[in-house]
Amino acid sequence: MLRFLTAGESHGPALVAILEGLPAGVSIDVRALQGEMRRRQLGYGRGPRMQLETDTVELLSGIRRGKTLGSPIAVTIKNADASIDRLPVVTHPRPGHADLAGAVKYDHRDIRNVLERASARETAARVAVGALCRAVLSRLGIELASHVIALGSVRARPSTVSVARLRARAEASPLRCLDPQASRRMMRQIDACVKAGDTLGGVFEVVIEGVPPGLGSHVHYDRRLDAILGRAILSIHAVKAVEIGEGVAAASLRGSRVQDEIFYTKAKGFARSSNRAGGFEGGMTTGQPIVVRGFLKPLSTLRTPLRSVDIRTKRPVLATVERSDVTTVPAAGVVGEAMIAFELARAVLEKFGGDSLRELKRNYDSYLRQVEQF
C-alpha cells in the first residue's frame, strides 16, 4: 500500500512528509525534486512569501545513494519564517476559510491554532511526495503536466498538444497558460485585483499520457479511479469543483454527441475517435490520456477584508488580514499534478505489486503484452 502523511504549520519550524510503500530501486533525482518545489512557488499574482521561502527538501530516510530502499521515505522542508509562537492571537474569522468551523470543532479561542495548519503552505509537502511518485511513473512511461485554462473571467483558447509540449509551453508562461493573449488579459485582471485588495479564482487542467487501460475498477464505489482522483483534487485548498473530460458540457448534450466511439484495427488494436470521457469509463482507465480539471474559488484572505464577527465578544468586525496571494491557480495546477501522481502510483502498485522497481516493471510489462494480445 502506498500512503503518505504530512505534518507542520505554516509558520512552524518545518513541514514534514512521510511516504510509505514506494518500491526499492527507484532512482531519485534531487535536482528534479527541487525543480518541482520551485514550480509551486512561481506564478504571476503570488505574494511576498514566495520570495522569502526557498522550499529546500531534505531527505531524511528511505533513500541511499540516490535510490529508494523500500522503507518509509521522510522529508522535511524548513520554514524560513518560523515565528508561530510570536504571532498574535486571532479572533476575527475570515469568510470562506477554515477559521470559524475549525475553531468551533476543536474548541479554540485563538483561530491561529486552525489557520496555521489549514494554510495552503501544507501543499509544499504534497509536492515533495508527488515528485517522488513521479519517479516511479516515469519509469513506466507515464507522464503528466498541468496548465491554467481560466483565471477570473478570462478563458484560454483550447489547445491539444502532447504532455511534453504542454509542459514546456506552460513553464514559459508567467501564469502557466498556453494562450499568450489570454495570459496578458489574466495579468491585467490580477493587477486590478491588487489595487482593489481582492482575489481571483480560476481553473487548471492536468493531462496524463501513457496510462494503460484497466487501472481502477467498476466493482465498488471506492475503487473507481476517477472518483479517487476527484477526491484528491478536491482536497487541494480553494478547489470547489472537479471535472473529468468534458463532464460539464456532456450534461447538456445528447448521448450521441458525448460517447467516444470504439474502433479496431489489427495494427493498432482498439482505438477511439475522441476522448470526451477524459480517459475513464466505468471508473477504469481506457488507455487514452486522462484529463482532470480543478476549479478554484477566489482566495479567502482579502487585503480589503469582508465583514465578520469576533469569536470572543460576538461583535461585528472586519475579518483578519493575513499575508496572502491574489491568485494561486498556476501553483494549484502543480499541486494537482502531485496529488494525481500519488494516486496513479498507488493504483499502479495496487494492480501490479512489486517490492522493487524491477519486479514492478516485470509485472507491468507482462500486463501490457496481455493488453496487446486481447
Protein backbone atom coordinates (compact mmCIF):
# COMPACT_ATOMS: atom_id res chain seq x y z
CA MET A 1 0.00 0.00 0.00
CA LEU A 2 1.24 3.45 -0.90
CA ARG A 3 0.31 6.16 1.59
CA PHE A 4 1.61 9.45 2.93
CA LEU A 5 1.14 11.81 5.84
CA THR A 6 2.15 15.45 6.24
CA ALA A 7 2.68 17.48 9.38
CA GLY A 8 3.59 21.05 10.23
CA GLU A 9 2.17 24.54 10.45
CA SER A 10 2.56 27.48 8.11
CA HIS A 11 4.86 29.42 10.45
CA GLY A 12 6.18 26.41 12.39
CA PRO A 13 9.78 25.19 12.20
CA ALA A 14 9.19 22.90 9.20
CA LEU A 15 6.83 20.84 7.11
CA VAL A 16 7.30 17.08 7.25
CA ALA A 17 6.09 14.28 4.98
CA ILE A 18 6.41 10.51 5.25
CA LEU A 19 5.79 8.39 2.16
CA GLU A 20 5.45 4.66 2.70
CA GLY A 21 5.22 1.94 0.06
CA LEU A 22 7.45 3.19 -2.75
CA PRO A 23 9.31 0.17 -4.18
CA ALA A 24 13.04 -0.24 -3.80
CA GLY A 25 15.45 0.64 -6.56
CA VAL A 26 13.81 3.82 -7.85
CA SER A 27 16.36 6.49 -8.78
CA ILE A 28 15.59 9.86 -7.20
CA ASP A 29 16.89 12.97 -8.93
CA VAL A 30 17.18 15.55 -6.17
CA ARG A 31 17.51 18.40 -8.69
CA ALA A 32 14.27 17.36 -10.36
CA LEU A 33 12.61 17.18 -6.94
CA GLN A 34 13.80 20.71 -6.14
CA GLY A 35 12.56 21.85 -9.51
CA GLU A 36 9.06 20.66 -8.66
CA MET A 37 9.20 22.57 -5.37
CA ARG A 38 10.18 25.74 -7.20
CA ARG A 39 7.35 25.37 -9.71
CA ARG A 40 4.83 25.51 -6.85
CA GLN A 41 6.18 28.91 -5.81
CA LEU A 42 6.03 30.60 -9.21
CA GLY A 43 3.23 32.40 -10.98
CA TYR A 44 2.09 35.97 -11.53
CA GLY A 45 -0.06 37.07 -8.60
CA ARG A 46 1.84 35.26 -5.85
CA GLY A 47 2.51 37.05 -2.56
CA PRO A 48 5.81 38.12 -0.92
CA ARG A 49 6.29 34.84 0.96
CA MET A 50 7.27 33.12 -2.29
CA GLN A 51 10.35 35.35 -2.39
CA LEU A 52 11.10 34.60 1.27
CA GLU A 53 10.84 30.79 1.21
CA THR A 54 13.17 28.58 -0.82
CA ASP A 55 11.36 25.28 -0.11
CA THR A 56 14.50 23.18 0.05
CA VAL A 57 13.71 19.50 0.62
CA GLU A 58 15.91 17.45 2.94
CA LEU A 59 15.66 13.67 2.52
CA LEU A 60 15.94 12.08 5.96
CA SER A 61 15.34 8.38 5.32
CA GLY A 62 14.38 5.72 2.82
CA ILE A 63 16.93 6.73 0.15
CA ARG A 64 20.58 5.71 -0.07
CA ARG A 65 23.00 6.62 -2.81
CA GLY A 66 20.22 8.11 -4.87
CA LYS A 67 17.87 5.10 -4.82
CA THR A 68 14.85 4.16 -2.72
CA LEU A 69 15.26 1.35 -0.20
CA GLY A 70 11.64 0.22 0.05
CA SER A 71 11.42 1.64 3.56
CA PRO A 72 9.44 4.80 4.51
CA ILE A 73 10.82 7.99 2.98
CA ALA A 74 10.87 11.00 5.30
CA VAL A 75 11.35 14.53 4.00
CA THR A 76 11.43 17.89 5.70
CA ILE A 77 11.03 21.42 4.33
CA LYS A 78 12.20 24.10 6.73
CA ASN A 79 10.17 27.29 7.01
CA ALA A 80 12.25 30.45 6.68
CA ASP A 81 9.54 32.36 8.59
CA ALA A 82 9.28 30.16 11.71
CA SER A 83 7.55 32.62 14.04
CA ILE A 84 4.43 30.75 15.13
CA ASP A 85 4.87 31.29 18.89
CA ARG A 86 5.41 35.04 18.43
CA LEU A 87 2.38 35.67 16.25
CA PRO A 88 -0.66 37.46 17.75
CA VAL A 89 -3.94 35.83 18.77
CA VAL A 90 -6.57 35.83 16.01
CA THR A 91 -10.27 36.18 16.84
CA HIS A 92 -11.71 37.57 13.59
CA PRO A 93 -12.55 34.61 11.27
CA ARG A 94 -12.26 35.03 7.51
CA PRO A 95 -15.33 34.14 5.45
CA GLY A 96 -14.54 31.20 3.18
CA HIS A 97 -11.62 29.95 5.28
CA ALA A 98 -11.38 27.10 7.81
CA ASP A 99 -11.14 29.69 10.62
CA LEU A 100 -14.60 29.59 12.21
CA ALA A 101 -15.52 25.97 11.53
CA GLY A 102 -12.12 24.80 12.83
CA ALA A 103 -12.30 26.94 15.96
CA VAL A 104 -15.77 25.61 16.78
CA LYS A 105 -14.78 21.99 16.09
CA TYR A 106 -11.58 22.00 18.17
CA ASP A 107 -12.80 24.49 20.82
CA HIS A 108 -10.06 27.03 20.09
CA ARG A 109 -10.30 30.63 21.24
CA ASP A 110 -7.29 31.55 19.09
CA ILE A 111 -8.02 30.99 15.40
CA ARG A 112 -4.30 30.83 14.67
CA ASN A 113 -4.41 27.28 16.02
CA VAL A 114 -6.59 26.49 12.99
CA LEU A 115 -5.27 28.71 10.21
CA GLU A 116 -1.65 27.64 10.63
CA ARG A 117 -2.43 24.05 9.68
CA ALA A 118 -5.26 24.91 7.27
CA SER A 119 -2.89 27.12 5.28
CA ALA A 120 -2.03 26.14 1.71
CA ARG A 121 1.60 26.17 2.84
CA GLU A 122 0.98 22.47 3.57
CA THR A 123 0.89 21.75 -0.15
CA ALA A 124 4.67 22.13 -0.33
CA ALA A 125 4.92 18.77 1.43
CA ARG A 126 2.44 17.25 -1.03
CA VAL A 127 4.50 18.42 -3.99
CA ALA A 128 7.57 16.72 -2.50
CA VAL A 129 5.60 13.48 -2.17
CA GLY A 130 4.28 13.82 -5.72
CA ALA A 131 7.78 14.33 -7.08
CA LEU A 132 8.88 11.04 -5.51
CA CYS A 133 5.88 9.24 -7.02
CA ARG A 134 6.59 10.72 -10.46
CA ALA A 135 9.95 8.96 -10.39
CA VAL A 136 8.09 5.62 -10.42
CA LEU A 137 5.54 6.66 -13.04
CA SER A 138 8.17 7.96 -15.44
CA ARG A 139 9.92 4.57 -15.41
CA LEU A 140 6.63 3.11 -16.66
CA GLY A 141 6.22 5.71 -19.40
CA ILE A 142 3.53 7.70 -17.58
CA GLU A 143 3.98 11.47 -17.80
CA LEU A 144 1.81 14.39 -16.68
CA ALA A 145 1.66 18.16 -16.87
CA SER A 146 -0.73 20.98 -15.99
CA HIS A 147 -1.69 24.40 -17.29
CA VAL A 148 -4.13 27.20 -16.49
CA ILE A 149 -7.20 27.28 -18.73
CA ALA A 150 -9.13 30.04 -16.95
CA LEU A 151 -8.49 32.84 -14.49
CA GLY A 152 -11.28 35.08 -13.29
CA SER A 153 -13.45 35.89 -16.30
CA VAL A 154 -10.73 35.08 -18.87
CA ARG A 155 -10.65 31.67 -20.52
CA ALA A 156 -7.80 30.44 -22.71
CA ARG A 157 -8.35 29.00 -26.16
CA PRO A 158 -8.43 25.17 -26.21
CA SER A 159 -5.10 23.59 -27.04
CA THR A 160 -4.34 19.94 -27.81
CA VAL A 161 -0.64 19.18 -27.55
CA SER A 162 1.50 16.37 -26.13
CA VAL A 163 2.31 16.39 -22.43
CA ALA A 164 5.95 17.21 -23.17
CA ARG A 165 4.97 20.18 -25.34
CA LEU A 166 2.29 21.26 -22.87
CA ARG A 167 4.76 21.36 -20.02
CA ALA A 168 7.39 23.29 -21.98
CA ARG A 169 4.91 25.94 -23.07
CA ALA A 170 3.29 26.22 -19.63
CA GLU A 171 6.61 26.71 -17.85
CA ALA A 172 7.50 29.51 -20.27
CA SER A 173 4.38 31.48 -19.28
CA PRO A 174 4.13 33.67 -16.14
CA LEU A 175 0.70 32.16 -15.49
CA ARG A 176 1.41 28.66 -16.88
CA CYS A 177 -1.14 29.38 -19.62
CA LEU A 178 -0.70 28.20 -23.22
CA ASP A 179 -2.62 31.11 -24.73
CA PRO A 180 -0.40 34.26 -24.74
CA GLN A 181 -3.28 36.66 -25.42
CA ALA A 182 -5.42 35.20 -22.63
CA SER A 183 -2.41 35.27 -20.33
CA ARG A 184 -2.00 39.01 -20.86
CA ARG A 185 -5.67 39.61 -20.08
CA MET A 186 -5.35 37.46 -16.97
CA MET A 187 -2.40 39.53 -15.79
CA ARG A 188 -4.41 42.74 -16.23
CA GLN A 189 -7.15 41.23 -14.06
CA ILE A 190 -4.59 40.38 -11.40
CA ASP A 191 -3.21 43.92 -11.46
CA ALA A 192 -6.72 45.30 -10.98
CA CYS A 193 -7.29 42.99 -8.01
CA VAL A 194 -4.00 44.07 -6.44
CA LYS A 195 -5.24 47.67 -6.49
CA ALA A 196 -8.68 46.67 -5.15
CA GLY A 197 -7.32 44.35 -2.44
CA ASP A 198 -9.28 41.47 -3.97
CA THR A 199 -8.55 37.92 -5.16
CA LEU A 200 -9.20 35.70 -8.19
CA GLY A 201 -10.06 32.06 -8.77
CA GLY A 202 -9.79 30.00 -11.92
CA VAL A 203 -9.34 26.58 -13.50
CA PHE A 204 -6.29 24.38 -14.01
CA GLU A 205 -6.10 21.26 -16.16
CA VAL A 206 -3.88 18.21 -15.63
CA VAL A 207 -3.19 15.91 -18.58
CA ILE A 208 -1.65 12.44 -18.17
CA GLU A 209 -0.29 10.30 -21.01
CA GLY A 210 0.94 6.72 -21.07
CA VAL A 211 -1.60 5.29 -18.61
CA PRO A 212 -2.57 1.72 -19.54
CA PRO A 213 -6.19 0.59 -19.66
CA GLY A 214 -7.57 -1.13 -16.58
CA LEU A 215 -6.39 0.93 -13.60
CA GLY A 216 -9.21 1.30 -11.08
CA SER A 217 -12.31 -0.91 -11.01
CA HIS A 218 -16.06 -0.81 -11.57
CA VAL A 219 -16.87 -3.31 -8.80
CA HIS A 220 -17.05 -0.93 -5.79
CA TYR A 221 -17.54 2.81 -5.40
CA ASP A 222 -14.24 3.32 -3.56
CA ARG A 223 -12.22 1.57 -6.25
CA ARG A 224 -13.33 3.83 -9.12
CA LEU A 225 -10.15 5.66 -10.02
CA ASP A 226 -11.90 8.71 -11.48
CA ALA A 227 -13.67 9.18 -8.13
CA ILE A 228 -10.35 8.78 -6.31
CA LEU A 229 -8.73 11.46 -8.49
CA GLY A 230 -11.74 13.71 -7.93
CA ARG A 231 -11.31 13.43 -4.17
CA ALA A 232 -7.58 14.12 -4.48
CA ILE A 233 -8.17 17.32 -6.45
CA LEU A 234 -10.96 18.48 -4.11
CA SER A 235 -8.53 18.11 -1.19
CA ILE A 236 -6.45 21.00 -2.56
CA HIS A 237 -7.05 24.33 -0.84
CA ALA A 238 -9.73 26.53 -2.50
CA VAL A 239 -10.77 23.85 -5.03
CA LYS A 240 -14.57 23.70 -5.08
CA ALA A 241 -15.28 21.54 -8.16
CA VAL A 242 -13.65 18.90 -10.34
CA GLU A 243 -14.27 17.94 -13.97
CA ILE A 244 -13.05 14.85 -15.80
CA GLY A 245 -13.02 15.05 -19.57
CA GLU A 246 -15.97 17.00 -20.93
CA GLY A 247 -18.11 16.20 -17.89
CA VAL A 248 -19.79 19.59 -17.50
CA ALA A 249 -20.59 20.09 -21.18
CA ALA A 250 -21.74 16.48 -21.51
CA ALA A 251 -24.55 17.05 -19.03
CA SER A 252 -26.39 19.24 -21.55
CA LEU A 253 -25.76 17.16 -24.69
CA ARG A 254 -27.35 14.08 -26.22
CA GLY A 255 -25.57 10.78 -25.80
CA SER A 256 -24.78 10.55 -29.49
CA ARG A 257 -22.55 13.62 -29.10
CA VAL A 258 -20.88 12.52 -25.87
CA GLN A 259 -19.74 8.89 -26.06
CA ASP A 260 -16.33 8.00 -27.53
CA GLU A 261 -16.95 5.54 -30.35
CA ILE A 262 -14.82 2.38 -30.48
CA PHE A 263 -12.80 1.15 -33.48
CA TYR A 264 -10.41 -1.71 -34.06
CA THR A 265 -7.56 -2.35 -36.48
CA LYS A 266 -5.12 -5.22 -36.45
CA ALA A 267 -2.19 -2.81 -36.45
CA LYS A 268 -3.32 -0.58 -33.57
CA GLY A 269 -5.89 -2.66 -31.70
CA PHE A 270 -8.78 -0.85 -30.03
CA ALA A 271 -8.95 2.91 -30.53
CA ARG A 272 -11.28 5.89 -30.07
CA SER A 273 -12.04 8.81 -32.35
CA SER A 274 -12.39 11.20 -29.40
CA ASN A 275 -11.68 11.46 -25.68
CA ARG A 276 -14.68 13.26 -24.22
CA ALA A 277 -14.67 10.84 -21.26
CA GLY A 278 -11.25 12.13 -20.20
CA GLY A 279 -9.61 8.70 -20.11
CA PHE A 280 -12.19 6.88 -17.94
CA GLU A 281 -15.11 4.55 -18.43
CA GLY A 282 -16.78 2.74 -15.51
CA GLY A 283 -14.19 4.10 -13.07
CA MET A 284 -11.36 2.48 -15.05
CA THR A 285 -8.72 3.94 -17.33
CA THR A 286 -9.28 3.39 -21.04
CA GLY A 287 -5.69 3.88 -22.18
CA GLN A 288 -6.44 7.34 -23.53
CA PRO A 289 -4.97 10.49 -21.96
CA ILE A 290 -6.51 11.36 -18.61
CA VAL A 291 -7.84 14.92 -18.40
CA VAL A 292 -8.76 16.36 -14.99
CA ARG A 293 -9.67 19.96 -14.15
CA GLY A 294 -9.78 21.70 -10.79
CA PHE A 295 -11.93 24.80 -10.21
CA LEU A 296 -10.65 27.22 -7.55
CA LYS A 297 -12.71 29.82 -5.80
CA PRO A 298 -11.04 33.20 -5.09
CA LEU A 299 -8.78 33.05 -2.03
CA SER A 300 -10.32 33.82 1.35
CA THR A 301 -7.74 36.31 2.60
CA LEU A 302 -8.50 39.77 1.17
CA ARG A 303 -6.46 42.91 1.81
CA THR A 304 -9.81 44.68 1.79
CA PRO A 305 -11.43 42.40 4.36
CA LEU A 306 -15.05 41.26 4.49
CA ARG A 307 -17.42 41.55 7.42
CA SER A 308 -17.15 39.03 10.24
CA VAL A 309 -17.79 38.57 13.98
CA ASP A 310 -15.27 38.46 16.84
CA ILE A 311 -15.49 34.95 18.32
CA ARG A 312 -14.94 36.30 21.85
CA THR A 313 -17.06 39.44 22.00
CA LYS A 314 -19.57 38.39 19.29
CA ARG A 315 -19.43 41.94 17.96
CA PRO A 316 -19.27 42.83 14.25
CA VAL A 317 -15.70 43.25 12.96
CA LEU A 318 -13.72 43.06 9.76
CA ALA A 319 -12.05 39.72 9.07
CA THR A 320 -8.38 39.15 9.84
CA VAL A 321 -5.90 40.04 7.09
CA GLU A 322 -3.10 37.50 6.69
CA ARG A 323 -0.27 37.61 4.18
CA SER A 324 -1.62 36.02 1.02
CA ASP A 325 -1.69 35.89 -2.77
CA VAL A 326 -4.04 37.42 -5.32
CA THR A 327 -4.32 34.05 -7.05
CA THR A 328 -2.73 30.62 -6.75
CA VAL A 329 -4.28 28.91 -9.77
CA PRO A 330 -0.90 28.29 -11.52
CA ALA A 331 0.53 26.81 -8.32
CA ALA A 332 -2.62 24.78 -7.70
CA GLY A 333 -2.01 23.05 -11.02
CA VAL A 334 1.40 21.92 -9.76
CA VAL A 335 -0.21 20.60 -6.57
CA GLY A 336 -2.84 18.89 -8.73
CA GLU A 337 -0.07 17.12 -10.62
CA ALA A 338 1.43 15.96 -7.32
CA MET A 339 -1.84 14.58 -5.98
CA ILE A 340 -2.61 12.77 -9.23
CA ALA A 341 0.94 11.38 -9.39
CA PHE A 342 0.47 9.92 -5.91
CA GLU A 343 -2.93 8.39 -6.68
CA LEU A 344 -1.77 6.96 -10.02
CA ALA A 345 1.33 5.48 -8.40
CA ARG A 346 -0.89 3.95 -5.73
CA ALA A 347 -3.22 2.49 -8.39
CA VAL A 348 -0.24 1.08 -10.31
CA LEU A 349 1.22 -0.57 -7.21
CA GLU A 350 -2.19 -1.90 -6.20
CA LYS A 351 -2.65 -3.61 -9.57
CA PHE A 352 0.89 -4.76 -10.34
CA GLY A 353 2.54 -5.08 -6.93
CA GLY A 354 6.26 -5.37 -6.52
CA ASP A 355 8.60 -4.55 -3.64
CA SER A 356 11.30 -3.49 -6.08
CA LEU A 357 11.19 -1.47 -9.26
CA ARG A 358 12.48 -4.45 -11.24
CA GLU A 359 9.63 -6.65 -10.00
CA LEU A 360 7.07 -3.92 -10.66
CA LYS A 361 8.40 -3.32 -14.17
CA ARG A 362 8.32 -7.05 -14.95
CA ASN A 363 4.68 -7.33 -13.84
CA TYR A 364 3.75 -4.15 -15.69
CA ASP A 365 5.36 -5.23 -18.96
CA SER A 366 3.63 -8.60 -18.73
CA TYR A 367 0.25 -6.89 -18.40
CA LEU A 368 0.96 -4.63 -21.39
CA ARG A 369 1.67 -7.73 -23.50
CA GLN A 370 -1.65 -9.19 -22.34
CA VAL A 371 -3.46 -5.99 -23.36
CA GLU A 372 -1.82 -6.03 -26.79
CA GLN A 373 -2.99 -9.63 -27.35
CA PHE A 374 -6.61 -9.00 -26.27
